[in-house]
Amino acid sequence: PSMQASSSIIALVGLLAIGGSLAASSQDQTNPLAKVLDLVDELSAKIVKEGEVEQKAYDEYLQWCQNAVQETGFAIETATKEKGELEAKLVEVAAEIETSTSKIEELAAAIATNEADLSSATSIREKEAAEFAKNEKEMMEV
């Protein structure tokens, strides 16, 4: 129920209680009107008690909601900060990858050049070794 409706019910019960106390003082307790007023008083007390219980439950729920909002806010703040750190790390790693890729390309080119030089030198040495063997054989025959 809304707060306005609860206030209206409490005001009505209060008026009935005042009227009941006046009627009870002026008439005998066995009077049917007095019994009705007693029942209204009991009902009023019950409604007030239930309202207090509901208010307590509402206050606990409200506190839980406020705690959840605060915890969620902290979680969002922490995640946002972590996201920024991870994005910075990602940029750093991407730069390292680019540098490493460039270095790999340079080393691959150097290896290809060195292999070509080695092949050329091997070919020259093989020709020189064959020529040396031929010259040595001719000198031994003489």
Protein backbone atom coordinates (compact mmCIF):
# COMPACT_ATOMS: atom_id res chain seq x y z
CA PRO A 1 0.00 0.00 0.00
CA SER A 2 1.05 3.58 -0.55
CA MET A 3 2.14 5.81 2.30
CA GLN A 4 -0.90 8.08 1.78
CA ALA A 5 -3.30 5.12 2.02
CA SER A 6 -1.53 3.85 5.13
CA SER A 7 -1.75 7.31 6.71
CA SER A 8 -5.45 7.49 5.92
CA ILE A 9 -6.08 4.07 7.48
CA ILE A 10 -4.10 4.98 10.59
CA ALA A 11 -6.00 8.28 10.93
CA LEU A 12 -9.34 6.46 10.57
CA VAL A 13 -8.34 3.85 13.12
CA GLY A 14 -7.18 6.63 15.47
CA LEU A 15 -10.55 8.41 15.19
CA LEU A 16 -12.39 5.17 15.82
CA ALA A 17 -10.17 4.49 18.82
CA ILE A 18 -10.93 7.91 20.30
CA GLY A 19 -14.61 7.40 19.66
CA GLY A 20 -14.36 3.93 21.14
CA SER A 21 -12.75 5.16 24.31
CA LEU A 22 -15.48 7.77 24.70
CA ALA A 23 -18.19 5.21 24.05
CA ALA A 24 -16.58 2.71 26.41
CA SER A 25 -16.42 5.21 29.22
CA SER A 26 -20.06 6.19 28.76
CA GLN A 27 -21.48 2.72 28.26
CA ASP A 28 -21.08 -0.75 29.65
CA GLN A 29 -18.38 -3.06 28.16
CA THR A 30 -21.03 -5.58 27.07
CA ASN A 31 -22.44 -3.05 24.69
CA PRO A 32 -22.13 -4.28 21.05
CA LEU A 33 -20.71 -0.92 20.03
CA ALA A 34 -17.99 -1.29 22.67
CA LYS A 35 -17.16 -4.75 21.31
CA VAL A 36 -16.88 -3.36 17.79
CA LEU A 37 -14.65 -0.59 19.05
CA ASP A 38 -12.47 -3.14 20.88
CA LEU A 39 -12.16 -5.13 17.67
CA VAL A 40 -11.27 -1.95 15.80
CA ASP A 41 -8.59 -1.20 18.43
CA GLU A 42 -7.17 -4.70 18.06
CA LEU A 43 -7.24 -4.38 14.28
CA SER A 44 -5.55 -0.99 14.54
CA ALA A 45 -2.78 -2.43 16.71
CA LYS A 46 -2.37 -5.33 14.29
CA ILE A 47 -2.16 -2.98 11.28
CA VAL A 48 0.42 -0.78 13.02
CA LYS A 49 2.48 -3.85 13.95
CA GLU A 50 2.32 -5.21 10.38
CA GLY A 51 3.26 -1.75 9.08
CA GLU A 52 6.32 -1.70 11.34
CA VAL A 53 7.34 -5.18 10.14
CA GLU A 54 6.87 -4.13 6.51
CA GLN A 55 8.83 -0.92 7.08
CA LYS A 56 11.69 -2.91 8.60
CA ALA A 57 11.71 -5.30 5.62
CA TYR A 58 11.60 -2.34 3.24
CA ASP A 59 14.50 -0.64 5.06
CA GLU A 60 16.57 -3.84 4.87
CA TYR A 61 15.81 -4.21 1.16
CA LEU A 62 16.65 -0.55 0.56
CA GLN A 63 19.98 -1.01 2.37
CA TRP A 64 20.71 -4.12 0.28
CA CYS A 65 19.94 -2.18 -2.91
CA GLN A 66 22.19 0.69 -1.86
CA ASN A 67 25.02 -1.75 -1.06
CA ALA A 68 24.54 -3.49 -4.41
CA VAL A 69 24.66 -0.15 -6.24
CA GLN A 70 27.84 0.85 -4.40
CA GLU A 71 29.52 -2.52 -5.02
CA THR A 72 28.51 -2.45 -8.67
CA GLY A 73 29.90 1.08 -8.98
CA PHE A 74 33.22 -0.04 -7.51
CA ALA A 75 33.27 -3.08 -9.82
CA ILE A 76 32.61 -0.85 -12.85
CA GLU A 77 35.32 1.59 -11.77
CA THR A 78 37.83 -1.23 -11.24
CA ALA A 79 36.94 -2.89 -14.55
CA THR A 80 37.23 0.43 -16.41
CA LYS A 81 40.67 1.03 -14.92
CA GLU A 82 41.75 -2.52 -15.77
CA LYS A 83 40.40 -2.09 -19.31
CA GLY A 84 42.54 1.03 -19.77
CA GLU A 85 45.62 -0.78 -18.47
CA LEU A 86 44.98 -3.74 -20.78
CA GLU A 87 44.44 -1.48 -23.78
CA ALA A 88 47.77 0.26 -23.04
CA LYS A 89 49.47 -3.14 -22.72
CA LEU A 90 47.88 -4.20 -26.01
CA VAL A 91 49.31 -1.14 -27.78
CA GLU A 92 52.72 -1.86 -26.23
CA VAL A 93 52.65 -5.51 -27.31
CA ALA A 94 51.51 -4.56 -30.82
CA ALA A 95 54.51 -2.22 -31.09
CA GLU A 96 56.80 -5.02 -29.89
CA ILE A 97 55.31 -7.36 -32.50
CA GLU A 98 55.89 -4.78 -35.23
CA THR A 99 59.50 -4.25 -34.09
CA SER A 100 60.11 -8.00 -33.87
CA THR A 101 58.59 -8.58 -37.31
CA SER A 102 60.86 -5.92 -38.78
CA LYS A 103 63.89 -7.49 -37.03
CA ILE A 104 62.91 -10.94 -38.34
CA GLU A 105 62.68 -9.57 -41.89
CA GLU A 106 66.13 -7.97 -41.55
CA LEU A 107 67.62 -11.19 -40.18
CA ALA A 108 65.95 -13.27 -42.92
CA ALA A 109 67.44 -10.93 -45.55
CA ALA A 110 70.87 -11.16 -43.87
CA ILE A 111 70.62 -14.96 -43.77
CA ALA A 112 69.67 -15.06 -47.47
CA THR A 113 72.63 -12.79 -48.31
CA ASN A 114 74.99 -14.87 -46.20
CA GLU A 115 73.77 -18.10 -47.79
CA ALA A 116 74.30 -16.61 -51.26
CA ASP A 117 77.81 -15.45 -50.26
CA LEU A 118 78.54 -18.91 -48.79
CA SER A 119 77.33 -20.62 -51.96
CA SER A 120 79.45 -18.29 -54.10
CA ALA A 121 82.50 -18.79 -51.91
CA THR A 122 82.00 -22.57 -51.93
CA SER A 123 81.78 -22.56 -55.71
CA ILE A 124 84.98 -20.47 -56.00
CA ARG A 125 86.81 -22.73 -53.53
CA GLU A 126 85.71 -25.84 -55.40
CA LYS A 127 87.03 -24.38 -58.68
CA GLU A 128 90.27 -23.32 -56.99
CA ALA A 129 90.63 -26.76 -55.37
CA ALA A 130 90.10 -28.46 -58.74
CA GLU A 131 92.62 -26.14 -60.38
CA PHE A 132 95.08 -26.70 -57.53
CA ALA A 133 94.69 -30.46 -57.84
CA LYS A 134 95.22 -30.24 -61.58
CA ASN A 135 98.30 -28.06 -61.17
CA GLU A 136 99.65 -30.29 -58.44
CA LYS A 137 99.16 -33.37 -60.63
CA GLU A 138 100.96 -31.69 -63.55
CA MET A 139 103.86 -30.73 -61.30
CA MET A 140 104.15 -34.21 -59.93
CA GLU A 141 104.29 -35.62 -63.44
CA VAL A 142 107.08 -33.39 -64.55
